[in-house]
Amino acid sequence: MLCIHLTEKDPYFCLAAEEFLLKNYGDDIFMVWQSYDTVVVGKHQNAMGEINYRHIREKGIGVARRISGGGTVFHDRGNVNFTYIKNVAGAHEVSFKRFTEPVRGALAQMGVIAETSGRNDLLVEGRKISGNAEHIFRNRVLHHGTLLFSSDLANLGEAIRVVPGRYSGKAVPSIPSTVANISEFLPHPMTPGEFIGKLLDYQLSGDPDNRMYALPEQEIAKIRKLAVEKFASREWQFGYSPAYTFCRHANPEGFKLDISLSVEKGRIVMAQIAGNYYGPEEGVLLEQELAGRFHAFEEVKKAHAVLRLYEDENLIYCYF
């Protein structure tokens, strides 16, 4: 097994590396990596419906979509991600437990006793420390998970805090969990870097054929290209979301504003605006101007600017 410590912190590069290794290598792989602050949604989720849009935009938190299913997770420098990529003979070899057991073993060696939940999470004392997901490509399975080591749990909670009822559609919603950091349960303090080292040491000691591996420069270039063209694109992050409807009743400056948006592939295909915030003609013109635009802060703001309408940020956020 090839053991990789991916030191690149760009989440789009790291997610692209997983896909590249899954589809272009034949070796079994274990990889650990971290990324900058990012909300990562499952392949079949509505990205807008999983995030606190105002919070992540104002805090500079990225949004990414992975190729596996499952629910939304949060990455920051206090979170450690692990990835297994293995060849399998058939569906009987695809098992969450097969990949979480070595992680549980490594944690136990550090003095942390974790258990699996019915939702494929890892728990310590009933609180979630790891979310896991899988993706199958031909005869290979990608299993990856988060390990909350010393994450900013308050920031995590705000980033994925959503108001129920605003977004509706066929997307797979996340199930909220009570989370905790692994560092809270360690008998002796350690840094995230030391934690990563122990995860790698445990994997390397499991088989004499396991060895550390560094990606060649020519492959890094291919991964960067995939990161830019796919994972960092708005079409993948938001446009891949299933069609949805956004509805909200707001009271900007004490006026009434009812907004209904139909969105497909990340773009507004129909807007309906009611209430007394806009004049009758302004509302109709804004509905027309919004149609065809991405459901994004900058695009809604541009639509208001075209019509020379008031562009207060609080107003624009009424559309999310």
C-alpha atoms as a PDB file:
ATOM      1  CA  MET A   1       0.000   0.000   0.000  1.00  0.00           C
ATOM      2  CA  LEU A   2       1.191   3.479  -0.872  1.00  0.00           C
ATOM      3  CA  CYS A   3       1.004   5.884   2.073  1.00  0.00           C
ATOM      4  CA  ILE A   4       0.785   9.564   1.139  1.00  0.00           C
ATOM      5  CA  HIS A   5       0.917  12.671   3.283  1.00  0.00           C
ATOM      6  CA  LEU A   6      -0.572  15.311   1.002  1.00  0.00           C
ATOM      7  CA  THR A   7       0.752  18.654   2.259  1.00  0.00           C
ATOM      8  CA  GLU A   8      -1.182  20.834  -0.223  1.00  0.00           C
ATOM      9  CA  LYS A   9      -3.900  22.702   1.700  1.00  0.00           C
ATOM     10  CA  ASP A  10      -6.092  23.708  -1.249  1.00  0.00           C
ATOM     11  CA  PRO A  11      -9.299  21.636  -0.806  1.00  0.00           C
ATOM     12  CA  TYR A  12      -9.979  21.493  -4.541  1.00  0.00           C
ATOM     13  CA  PHE A  13      -6.517  20.084  -5.203  1.00  0.00           C
ATOM     14  CA  CYS A  14      -6.927  17.493  -2.445  1.00  0.00           C
ATOM     15  CA  LEU A  15     -10.323  16.345  -3.700  1.00  0.00           C
ATOM     16  CA  ALA A  16      -8.951  16.226  -7.243  1.00  0.00           C
ATOM     17  CA  ALA A  17      -6.021  14.122  -5.996  1.00  0.00           C
ATOM     18  CA  GLU A  18      -8.478  11.571  -4.614  1.00  0.00           C
ATOM     19  CA  GLU A  19     -10.248  11.259  -7.976  1.00  0.00           C
ATOM     20  CA  PHE A  20      -6.965  11.115  -9.895  1.00  0.00           C
ATOM     21  CA  LEU A  21      -5.535   8.368  -7.689  1.00  0.00           C
ATOM     22  CA  LEU A  22      -8.800   6.422  -7.816  1.00  0.00           C
ATOM     23  CA  LYS A  23      -8.989   6.462 -11.610  1.00  0.00           C
ATOM     24  CA  ASN A  24      -5.333   6.375 -12.657  1.00  0.00           C
ATOM     25  CA  TYR A  25      -3.543   4.155 -10.132  1.00  0.00           C
ATOM     26  CA  GLY A  26      -3.764   0.415  -9.562  1.00  0.00           C
ATOM     27  CA  ASP A  27      -2.163   0.408  -6.119  1.00  0.00           C
ATOM     28  CA  ASP A  28      -3.946   0.404  -2.796  1.00  0.00           C
ATOM     29  CA  ILE A  29      -3.526   3.825  -1.196  1.00  0.00           C
ATOM     30  CA  PHE A  30      -3.788   5.434   2.228  1.00  0.00           C
ATOM     31  CA  MET A  31      -3.613   9.232   2.272  1.00  0.00           C
ATOM     32  CA  VAL A  32      -3.910  11.910   4.943  1.00  0.00           C
ATOM     33  CA  TRP A  33      -4.457  15.595   4.239  1.00  0.00           C
ATOM     34  CA  GLN A  34      -5.795  18.869   5.598  1.00  0.00           C
ATOM     35  CA  SER A  35      -7.323  21.906   3.934  1.00  0.00           C
ATOM     36  CA  TYR A  36      -8.201  25.520   4.509  1.00  0.00           C
ATOM     37  CA  ASP A  37     -11.643  26.333   5.946  1.00  0.00           C
ATOM     38  CA  THR A  38     -14.157  24.670   3.628  1.00  0.00           C
ATOM     39  CA  VAL A  39     -17.660  23.259   3.727  1.00  0.00           C
ATOM     40  CA  VAL A  40     -17.640  20.037   1.703  1.00  0.00           C
ATOM     41  CA  VAL A  41     -20.989  18.735   0.473  1.00  0.00           C
ATOM     42  CA  GLY A  42     -21.839  15.279  -0.793  1.00  0.00           C
ATOM     43  CA  LYS A  43     -22.171  14.633  -4.508  1.00  0.00           C
ATOM     44  CA  HIS A  44     -25.987  14.551  -4.471  1.00  0.00           C
ATOM     45  CA  GLN A  45     -26.636  17.472  -2.125  1.00  0.00           C
ATOM     46  CA  ASN A  46     -27.913  20.987  -2.753  1.00  0.00           C
ATOM     47  CA  ALA A  47     -24.879  23.069  -1.773  1.00  0.00           C
ATOM     48  CA  MET A  48     -26.943  26.203  -1.090  1.00  0.00           C
ATOM     49  CA  GLY A  49     -29.306  24.263   1.138  1.00  0.00           C
ATOM     50  CA  GLU A  50     -26.447  22.918   3.292  1.00  0.00           C
ATOM     51  CA  ILE A  51     -24.619  26.109   4.195  1.00  0.00           C
ATOM     52  CA  ASN A  52     -25.067  29.296   6.174  1.00  0.00           C
ATOM     53  CA  TYR A  53     -24.386  31.367   3.065  1.00  0.00           C
ATOM     54  CA  ARG A  54     -23.879  34.707   4.788  1.00  0.00           C
ATOM     55  CA  HIS A  55     -21.487  33.264   7.371  1.00  0.00           C
ATOM     56  CA  ILE A  56     -19.260  31.414   4.927  1.00  0.00           C
ATOM     57  CA  ARG A  57     -19.123  34.357   2.538  1.00  0.00           C
ATOM     58  CA  GLU A  58     -18.227  36.880   5.239  1.00  0.00           C
ATOM     59  CA  LYS A  59     -15.685  34.527   6.847  1.00  0.00           C
ATOM     60  CA  GLY A  60     -14.057  33.533   3.549  1.00  0.00           C
ATOM     61  CA  ILE A  61     -14.988  29.850   3.938  1.00  0.00           C
ATOM     62  CA  GLY A  62     -14.898  27.867   0.714  1.00  0.00           C
ATOM     63  CA  VAL A  63     -17.522  25.486  -0.650  1.00  0.00           C
ATOM     64  CA  ALA A  64     -16.511  22.227  -2.305  1.00  0.00           C
ATOM     65  CA  ARG A  65     -18.282  19.151  -3.622  1.00  0.00           C
ATOM     66  CA  ARG A  66     -16.758  15.685  -3.408  1.00  0.00           C
ATOM     67  CA  ILE A  67     -17.421  12.693  -5.675  1.00  0.00           C
ATOM     68  CA  SER A  68     -18.860  10.546  -2.869  1.00  0.00           C
ATOM     69  CA  GLY A  69     -22.362  10.726  -1.428  1.00  0.00           C
ATOM     70  CA  GLY A  70     -23.280  11.353   2.192  1.00  0.00           C
ATOM     71  CA  GLY A  71     -23.702  14.513   4.201  1.00  0.00           C
ATOM     72  CA  THR A  72     -21.948  17.826   4.572  1.00  0.00           C
ATOM     73  CA  VAL A  73     -18.723  18.135   6.573  1.00  0.00           C
ATOM     74  CA  PHE A  74     -16.469  21.001   7.607  1.00  0.00           C
ATOM     75  CA  HIS A  75     -12.721  21.199   7.066  1.00  0.00           C
ATOM     76  CA  ASP A  76     -10.238  23.488   8.769  1.00  0.00           C
ATOM     77  CA  ARG A  77      -6.618  23.202   9.871  1.00  0.00           C
ATOM     78  CA  GLY A  78      -7.739  21.416  13.042  1.00  0.00           C
ATOM     79  CA  ASN A  79      -9.406  18.675  10.994  1.00  0.00           C
ATOM     80  CA  VAL A  80      -7.478  15.766   9.482  1.00  0.00           C
ATOM     81  CA  ASN A  81      -8.866  13.903   6.476  1.00  0.00           C
ATOM     82  CA  PHE A  82      -8.010  10.298   5.690  1.00  0.00           C
ATOM     83  CA  THR A  83      -8.522   8.497   2.386  1.00  0.00           C
ATOM     84  CA  TYR A  84      -8.389   4.818   1.508  1.00  0.00           C
ATOM     85  CA  ILE A  85      -8.419   3.690  -2.108  1.00  0.00           C
ATOM     86  CA  LYS A  86      -8.450  -0.065  -2.592  1.00  0.00           C
ATOM     87  CA  ASN A  87      -9.075  -2.660  -5.254  1.00  0.00           C
ATOM     88  CA  VAL A  88     -12.050  -4.894  -4.476  1.00  0.00           C
ATOM     89  CA  ALA A  89     -13.177  -8.217  -5.911  1.00  0.00           C
ATOM     90  CA  GLY A  90     -16.843  -7.379  -5.540  1.00  0.00           C
ATOM     91  CA  ALA A  91     -19.532  -5.635  -3.547  1.00  0.00           C
ATOM     92  CA  HIS A  92     -18.962  -7.970  -0.583  1.00  0.00           C
ATOM     93  CA  GLU A  93     -15.617  -6.250  -0.008  1.00  0.00           C
ATOM     94  CA  VAL A  94     -17.145  -2.759   0.127  1.00  0.00           C
ATOM     95  CA  SER A  95     -17.696  -2.038   3.781  1.00  0.00           C
ATOM     96  CA  PHE A  96     -17.430   1.104   5.869  1.00  0.00           C
ATOM     97  CA  LYS A  97     -16.201  -0.962   8.801  1.00  0.00           C
ATOM     98  CA  ARG A  98     -13.323  -2.335   6.740  1.00  0.00           C
ATOM     99  CA  PHE A  99     -11.889   1.163   6.471  1.00  0.00           C
ATOM    100  CA  THR A 100     -12.874   2.634   9.817  1.00  0.00           C
ATOM    101  CA  GLU A 101     -11.409  -0.241  11.837  1.00  0.00           C
ATOM    102  CA  PRO A 102      -7.777   0.733  11.141  1.00  0.00           C
ATOM    103  CA  VAL A 103      -8.604   4.312  12.148  1.00  0.00           C
ATOM    104  CA  ARG A 104     -10.209   3.060  15.342  1.00  0.00           C
ATOM    105  CA  GLY A 105      -7.088   1.002  15.965  1.00  0.00           C
ATOM    106  CA  ALA A 106      -4.824   4.025  15.532  1.00  0.00           C
ATOM    107  CA  LEU A 107      -7.006   6.074  17.867  1.00  0.00           C
ATOM    108  CA  ALA A 108      -7.005   3.299  20.472  1.00  0.00           C
ATOM    109  CA  GLN A 109      -3.219   3.228  20.334  1.00  0.00           C
ATOM    110  CA  MET A 110      -3.338   6.934  21.237  1.00  0.00           C
ATOM    111  CA  GLY A 111      -5.698   6.248  24.129  1.00  0.00           C
ATOM    112  CA  VAL A 112      -8.949   7.279  22.409  1.00  0.00           C
ATOM    113  CA  ILE A 113     -11.722   4.661  22.260  1.00  0.00           C
ATOM    114  CA  ALA A 114     -14.038   5.267  19.298  1.00  0.00           C
ATOM    115  CA  GLU A 115     -17.066   3.308  18.138  1.00  0.00           C
ATOM    116  CA  THR A 116     -19.038   3.220  14.917  1.00  0.00           C
ATOM    117  CA  SER A 117     -22.565   4.551  14.674  1.00  0.00           C
ATOM    118  CA  GLY A 118     -25.467   3.405  12.544  1.00  0.00           C
ATOM    119  CA  ARG A 119     -24.772   6.325  10.185  1.00  0.00           C
ATOM    120  CA  ASN A 120     -21.168   5.306   9.383  1.00  0.00           C
ATOM    121  CA  ASP A 121     -19.741   7.925  11.735  1.00  0.00           C
ATOM    122  CA  LEU A 122     -17.108   7.415  14.430  1.00  0.00           C
ATOM    123  CA  LEU A 123     -18.160   8.472  17.915  1.00  0.00           C
ATOM    124  CA  VAL A 124     -16.364   9.029  21.187  1.00  0.00           C
ATOM    125  CA  GLU A 125     -18.602   9.091  24.257  1.00  0.00           C
ATOM    126  CA  GLY A 126     -21.605   9.500  21.947  1.00  0.00           C
ATOM    127  CA  ARG A 127     -20.253  12.504  20.053  1.00  0.00           C
ATOM    128  CA  LYS A 128     -19.222  12.479  16.410  1.00  0.00           C
ATOM    129  CA  ILE A 129     -15.508  12.835  15.665  1.00  0.00           C
ATOM    130  CA  SER A 130     -15.542  11.455  12.118  1.00  0.00           C
ATOM    131  CA  GLY A 131     -17.926  11.448   9.146  1.00  0.00           C
ATOM    132  CA  ASN A 132     -17.317   8.911   6.351  1.00  0.00           C
ATOM    133  CA  ALA A 133     -18.397   8.404   2.746  1.00  0.00           C
ATOM    134  CA  GLU A 134     -17.552   6.108  -0.179  1.00  0.00           C
ATOM    135  CA  HIS A 135     -17.478   6.102  -3.975  1.00  0.00           C
ATOM    136  CA  ILE A 136     -16.968   3.097  -6.252  1.00  0.00           C
ATOM    137  CA  PHE A 137     -15.202   3.311  -9.596  1.00  0.00           C
ATOM    138  CA  ARG A 138     -14.991   0.048 -11.531  1.00  0.00           C
ATOM    139  CA  ASN A 139     -13.137  -2.396  -9.248  1.00  0.00           C
ATOM    140  CA  ARG A 140     -11.844   0.297  -6.896  1.00  0.00           C
ATOM    141  CA  VAL A 141     -13.441   1.888  -3.871  1.00  0.00           C
ATOM    142  CA  LEU A 142     -12.680   5.305  -2.446  1.00  0.00           C
ATOM    143  CA  HIS A 143     -13.398   5.644   1.269  1.00  0.00           C
ATOM    144  CA  HIS A 144     -12.701   8.930   2.978  1.00  0.00           C
ATOM    145  CA  GLY A 145     -13.495  10.522   6.281  1.00  0.00           C
ATOM    146  CA  THR A 146     -12.894  13.496   8.508  1.00  0.00           C
ATOM    147  CA  LEU A 147     -11.168  13.353  11.877  1.00  0.00           C
ATOM    148  CA  LEU A 148     -12.044  16.363  14.009  1.00  0.00           C
ATOM    149  CA  PHE A 149      -8.838  16.808  15.960  1.00  0.00           C
ATOM    150  CA  SER A 150      -8.819  20.430  17.145  1.00  0.00           C
ATOM    151  CA  SER A 151     -11.335  22.101  14.848  1.00  0.00           C
ATOM    152  CA  ASP A 152     -13.108  25.369  15.584  1.00  0.00           C
ATOM    153  CA  LEU A 153     -16.427  23.768  16.480  1.00  0.00           C
ATOM    154  CA  ALA A 154     -18.201  27.107  16.841  1.00  0.00           C
ATOM    155  CA  ASN A 155     -17.213  28.045  13.290  1.00  0.00           C
ATOM    156  CA  LEU A 156     -18.227  24.574  12.113  1.00  0.00           C
ATOM    157  CA  GLY A 157     -21.641  24.972  13.723  1.00  0.00           C
ATOM    158  CA  GLU A 158     -22.244  28.370  12.131  1.00  0.00           C
ATOM    159  CA  ALA A 159     -20.968  27.354   8.680  1.00  0.00           C
ATOM    160  CA  ILE A 160     -23.440  24.485   8.319  1.00  0.00           C
ATOM    161  CA  ARG A 161     -26.316  26.023  10.291  1.00  0.00           C
ATOM    162  CA  VAL A 162     -29.312  26.375   7.988  1.00  0.00           C
ATOM    163  CA  VAL A 163     -32.850  27.673   8.417  1.00  0.00           C
ATOM    164  CA  PRO A 164     -35.343  24.870   7.653  1.00  0.00           C
ATOM    165  CA  GLY A 165     -37.949  25.415   4.948  1.00  0.00           C
ATOM    166  CA  ARG A 166     -36.139  27.816   2.634  1.00  0.00           C
ATOM    167  CA  TYR A 167     -34.862  25.197   0.186  1.00  0.00           C
ATOM    168  CA  SER A 168     -36.918  22.324  -1.191  1.00  0.00           C
ATOM    169  CA  GLY A 169     -36.104  19.699  -3.795  1.00  0.00           C
ATOM    170  CA  LYS A 170     -34.874  16.130  -4.207  1.00  0.00           C
ATOM    171  CA  ALA A 171     -31.371  16.667  -2.803  1.00  0.00           C
ATOM    172  CA  VAL A 172     -30.131  14.432   0.029  1.00  0.00           C
ATOM    173  CA  PRO A 173     -30.141  16.490   3.255  1.00  0.00           C
ATOM    174  CA  SER A 174     -27.566  16.177   6.035  1.00  0.00           C
ATOM    175  CA  ILE A 175     -28.510  14.822   9.452  1.00  0.00           C
ATOM    176  CA  PRO A 176     -27.263  17.069  12.284  1.00  0.00           C
ATOM    177  CA  SER A 177     -24.908  15.525  14.860  1.00  0.00           C
ATOM    178  CA  THR A 178     -23.305  16.562  18.127  1.00  0.00           C
ATOM    179  CA  VAL A 179     -19.590  16.800  17.444  1.00  0.00           C
ATOM    180  CA  ALA A 180     -16.396  16.760  19.498  1.00  0.00           C
ATOM    181  CA  ASN A 181     -12.645  17.098  18.980  1.00  0.00           C
ATOM    182  CA  ILE A 182     -10.349  14.106  19.395  1.00  0.00           C
ATOM    183  CA  SER A 183      -7.879  16.289  21.301  1.00  0.00           C
ATOM    184  CA  GLU A 184     -10.426  16.511  24.123  1.00  0.00           C
ATOM    185  CA  PHE A 185     -10.052  12.773  24.800  1.00  0.00           C
ATOM    186  CA  LEU A 186      -6.278  12.341  24.447  1.00  0.00           C
ATOM    187  CA  PRO A 187      -4.470  11.347  27.646  1.00  0.00           C
ATOM    188  CA  HIS A 188      -1.526  13.500  26.567  1.00  0.00           C
ATOM    189  CA  PRO A 189      -1.606  16.642  24.353  1.00  0.00           C
ATOM    190  CA  MET A 190      -0.305  16.498  20.801  1.00  0.00           C
ATOM    191  CA  THR A 191      -0.323  18.738  17.746  1.00  0.00           C
ATOM    192  CA  PRO A 192      -2.251  17.990  14.543  1.00  0.00           C
ATOM    193  CA  GLY A 193       1.107  17.238  12.904  1.00  0.00           C
ATOM    194  CA  GLU A 194       1.961  14.668  15.578  1.00  0.00           C
ATOM    195  CA  PHE A 195      -1.500  13.161  15.186  1.00  0.00           C
ATOM    196  CA  ILE A 196      -0.955  12.784  11.426  1.00  0.00           C
ATOM    197  CA  GLY A 197       2.404  11.153  12.090  1.00  0.00           C
ATOM    198  CA  LYS A 198       0.815   8.561  14.358  1.00  0.00           C
ATOM    199  CA  LEU A 199      -1.883   7.769  11.781  1.00  0.00           C
ATOM    200  CA  LEU A 200       0.802   7.161   9.158  1.00  0.00           C
ATOM    201  CA  ASP A 201       2.992   5.147  11.526  1.00  0.00           C
ATOM    202  CA  TYR A 202       0.062   2.894  12.401  1.00  0.00           C
ATOM    203  CA  GLN A 203      -0.683   2.267   8.720  1.00  0.00           C
ATOM    204  CA  LEU A 204       2.953   1.668   7.827  1.00  0.00           C
ATOM    205  CA  SER A 205       3.364  -0.846  10.655  1.00  0.00           C
ATOM    206  CA  GLY A 206       0.364  -2.867   9.487  1.00  0.00           C
ATOM    207  CA  ASP A 207       2.170  -4.511   6.553  1.00  0.00           C
ATOM    208  CA  PRO A 208       5.861  -4.658   5.525  1.00  0.00           C
ATOM    209  CA  ASP A 209       4.842  -3.800   1.949  1.00  0.00           C
ATOM    210  CA  ASN A 210       3.302  -0.477   3.010  1.00  0.00           C
ATOM    211  CA  ARG A 211       5.577   2.452   2.152  1.00  0.00           C
ATOM    212  CA  MET A 212       5.593   6.227   1.974  1.00  0.00           C
ATOM    213  CA  TYR A 213       5.056   7.681  -1.480  1.00  0.00           C
ATOM    214  CA  ALA A 214       5.355  11.142  -3.007  1.00  0.00           C
ATOM    215  CA  LEU A 215       3.376  12.185  -6.083  1.00  0.00           C
ATOM    216  CA  PRO A 216       5.555  12.895  -9.168  1.00  0.00           C
ATOM    217  CA  GLU A 217       5.580  16.503 -10.380  1.00  0.00           C
ATOM    218  CA  GLN A 218       3.977  15.623 -13.725  1.00  0.00           C
ATOM    219  CA  GLU A 219       1.025  14.063 -11.913  1.00  0.00           C
ATOM    220  CA  ILE A 220       0.722  17.031  -9.568  1.00  0.00           C
ATOM    221  CA  ALA A 221       0.310  19.207 -12.676  1.00  0.00           C
ATOM    222  CA  LYS A 222      -2.517  16.964 -13.923  1.00  0.00           C
ATOM    223  CA  ILE A 223      -4.216  17.116 -10.532  1.00  0.00           C
ATOM    224  CA  ARG A 224      -3.991  20.915 -10.488  1.00  0.00           C
ATOM    225  CA  LYS A 225      -5.642  21.000 -13.894  1.00  0.00           C
ATOM    226  CA  LEU A 226      -8.457  18.752 -12.676  1.00  0.00           C
ATOM    227  CA  ALA A 227      -8.850  20.907  -9.552  1.00  0.00           C
ATOM    228  CA  VAL A 228      -9.262  24.089 -11.598  1.00  0.00           C
ATOM    229  CA  GLU A 229     -11.443  22.684 -14.358  1.00  0.00           C
ATOM    230  CA  LYS A 230     -13.767  20.638 -12.156  1.00  0.00           C
ATOM    231  CA  PHE A 231     -13.575  20.953  -8.383  1.00  0.00           C
ATOM    232  CA  ALA A 232     -13.032  24.735  -8.163  1.00  0.00           C
ATOM    233  CA  SER A 233     -15.672  25.502 -10.800  1.00  0.00           C
ATOM    234  CA  ARG A 234     -19.028  27.005  -9.875  1.00  0.00           C
ATOM    235  CA  GLU A 235     -20.671  24.488 -12.215  1.00  0.00           C
ATOM    236  CA  TRP A 236     -19.448  21.598 -10.022  1.00  0.00           C
ATOM    237  CA  GLN A 237     -19.777  23.299  -6.635  1.00  0.00           C
ATOM    238  CA  PHE A 238     -23.296  24.679  -7.136  1.00  0.00           C
ATOM    239  CA  GLY A 239     -24.453  23.790 -10.645  1.00  0.00           C
ATOM    240  CA  TYR A 240     -24.337  20.051  -9.926  1.00  0.00           C
ATOM    241  CA  SER A 241     -26.983  20.492  -7.224  1.00  0.00           C
ATOM    242  CA  PRO A 242     -30.380  18.932  -8.012  1.00  0.00           C
ATOM    243  CA  ALA A 243     -33.074  21.418  -9.039  1.00  0.00           C
ATOM    244  CA  TYR A 244     -34.565  23.249  -6.086  1.00  0.00           C
ATOM    245  CA  THR A 245     -36.989  25.950  -5.058  1.00  0.00           C
ATOM    246  CA  PHE A 246     -36.053  28.744  -2.676  1.00  0.00           C
ATOM    247  CA  CYS A 247     -38.817  30.554  -0.788  1.00  0.00           C
ATOM    248  CA  ARG A 248     -38.465  33.263   1.828  1.00  0.00           C
ATOM    249  CA  HIS A 249     -40.577  35.904   3.516  1.00  0.00           C
ATOM    250  CA  ALA A 250     -38.438  38.835   4.700  1.00  0.00           C
ATOM    251  CA  ASN A 251     -39.001  42.287   6.151  1.00  0.00           C
ATOM    252  CA  PRO A 252     -36.175  44.529   4.951  1.00  0.00           C
ATOM    253  CA  GLU A 253     -36.439  47.992   6.530  1.00  0.00           C
ATOM    254  CA  GLY A 254     -39.911  47.078   7.793  1.00  0.00           C
ATOM    255  CA  PHE A 255     -41.337  46.379   4.324  1.00  0.00           C
ATOM    256  CA  LYS A 256     -42.737  43.043   3.149  1.00  0.00           C
ATOM    257  CA  LEU A 257     -40.799  40.961   0.643  1.00  0.00           C
ATOM    258  CA  ASP A 258     -41.793  37.498  -0.577  1.00  0.00           C
ATOM    259  CA  ILE A 259     -39.237  35.757  -2.781  1.00  0.00           C
ATOM    260  CA  SER A 260     -39.647  32.516  -4.713  1.00  0.00           C
ATOM    261  CA  LEU A 261     -36.847  31.227  -6.976  1.00  0.00           C
ATOM    262  CA  SER A 262     -36.770  28.113  -9.134  1.00  0.00           C
ATOM    263  CA  VAL A 263     -33.173  27.034  -9.688  1.00  0.00           C
ATOM    264  CA  GLU A 264     -31.748  24.451 -12.075  1.00  0.00           C
ATOM    265  CA  LYS A 265     -28.036  23.664 -12.458  1.00  0.00           C
ATOM    266  CA  GLY A 266     -27.283  26.562 -10.137  1.00  0.00           C
ATOM    267  CA  ARG A 267     -29.112  29.124 -12.301  1.00  0.00           C
ATOM    268  CA  ILE A 268     -32.365  30.921 -11.553  1.00  0.00           C
ATOM    269  CA  VAL A 269     -34.873  29.851 -14.204  1.00  0.00           C
ATOM    270  CA  MET A 270     -37.835  31.694 -12.712  1.00  0.00           C
ATOM    271  CA  ALA A 271     -38.215  34.371 -10.033  1.00  0.00           C
ATOM    272  CA  GLN A 272     -41.384  35.597  -8.361  1.00  0.00           C
ATOM    273  CA  ILE A 273     -41.252  38.681  -6.154  1.00  0.00           C
ATOM    274  CA  ALA A 274     -44.161  40.015  -4.142  1.00  0.00           C
ATOM    275  CA  GLY A 275     -44.738  42.404  -1.259  1.00  0.00           C
ATOM    276  CA  ASN A 276     -44.340  46.171  -0.999  1.00  0.00           C
ATOM    277  CA  TYR A 277     -40.566  46.570  -0.877  1.00  0.00           C
ATOM    278  CA  TYR A 278     -40.232  47.134  -4.642  1.00  0.00           C
ATOM    279  CA  GLY A 279     -42.590  49.107  -6.818  1.00  0.00           C
ATOM    280  CA  PRO A 280     -44.874  47.036  -9.122  1.00  0.00           C
ATOM    281  CA  GLU A 281     -42.780  47.684 -12.228  1.00  0.00           C
ATOM    282  CA  GLU A 282     -39.497  47.239 -10.356  1.00  0.00           C
ATOM    283  CA  GLY A 283     -40.543  43.806  -9.136  1.00  0.00           C
ATOM    284  CA  VAL A 284     -41.429  42.594 -12.635  1.00  0.00           C
ATOM    285  CA  LEU A 285     -38.201  43.941 -14.139  1.00  0.00           C
ATOM    286  CA  LEU A 286     -36.166  42.343 -11.338  1.00  0.00           C
ATOM    287  CA  GLU A 287     -37.830  38.975 -11.930  1.00  0.00           C
ATOM    288  CA  GLN A 288     -36.774  39.196 -15.574  1.00  0.00           C
ATOM    289  CA  GLU A 289     -33.251  40.349 -14.707  1.00  0.00           C
ATOM    290  CA  LEU A 290     -32.691  37.514 -12.227  1.00  0.00           C
ATOM    291  CA  ALA A 291     -33.712  34.814 -14.706  1.00  0.00           C
ATOM    292  CA  GLY A 292     -30.656  33.085 -16.169  1.00  0.00           C
ATOM    293  CA  ARG A 293     -28.264  34.268 -13.469  1.00  0.00           C
ATOM    294  CA  PHE A 294     -26.478  32.029 -10.992  1.00  0.00           C
ATOM    295  CA  HIS A 295     -28.076  31.934  -7.563  1.00  0.00           C
ATOM    296  CA  ALA A 296     -25.133  33.756  -5.970  1.00  0.00           C
ATOM    297  CA  PHE A 297     -24.693  36.962  -3.994  1.00  0.00           C
ATOM    298  CA  GLU A 298     -22.701  38.745  -6.696  1.00  0.00           C
ATOM    299  CA  GLU A 299     -25.242  37.873  -9.394  1.00  0.00           C
ATOM    300  CA  VAL A 300     -28.264  39.035  -7.379  1.00  0.00           C
ATOM    301  CA  LYS A 301     -26.395  42.239  -6.575  1.00  0.00           C
ATOM    302  CA  LYS A 302     -25.621  42.773 -10.279  1.00  0.00           C
ATOM    303  CA  ALA A 303     -29.301  42.336 -11.145  1.00  0.00           C
ATOM    304  CA  HIS A 304     -30.181  45.121  -8.701  1.00  0.00           C
ATOM    305  CA  ALA A 305     -27.378  47.313 -10.079  1.00  0.00           C
ATOM    306  CA  VAL A 306     -28.596  46.929 -13.666  1.00  0.00           C
ATOM    307  CA  LEU A 307     -31.986  48.277 -12.605  1.00  0.00           C
ATOM    308  CA  ARG A 308     -30.389  50.874 -10.304  1.00  0.00           C
ATOM    309  CA  LEU A 309     -32.169  49.435  -7.320  1.00  0.00           C
ATOM    310  CA  TYR A 310     -31.015  49.804  -3.741  1.00  0.00           C
ATOM    311  CA  GLU A 311     -28.101  47.410  -3.132  1.00  0.00           C
ATOM    312  CA  ASP A 312     -27.869  47.158   0.648  1.00  0.00           C
ATOM    313  CA  GLU A 313     -26.134  43.874   1.560  1.00  0.00           C
ATOM    314  CA  ASN A 314     -28.865  42.946   4.017  1.00  0.00           C
ATOM    315  CA  LEU A 315     -31.345  43.118   1.149  1.00  0.00           C
ATOM    316  CA  ILE A 316     -29.237  40.917  -1.115  1.00  0.00           C
ATOM    317  CA  TYR A 317     -28.925  38.306   1.623  1.00  0.00           C
ATOM    318  CA  CYS A 318     -32.732  38.051   1.647  1.00  0.00           C
ATOM    319  CA  TYR A 319     -32.304  35.956  -1.503  1.00  0.00           C
ATOM    320  CA  PHE A 320     -30.453  33.176   0.382  1.00  0.00           C
END
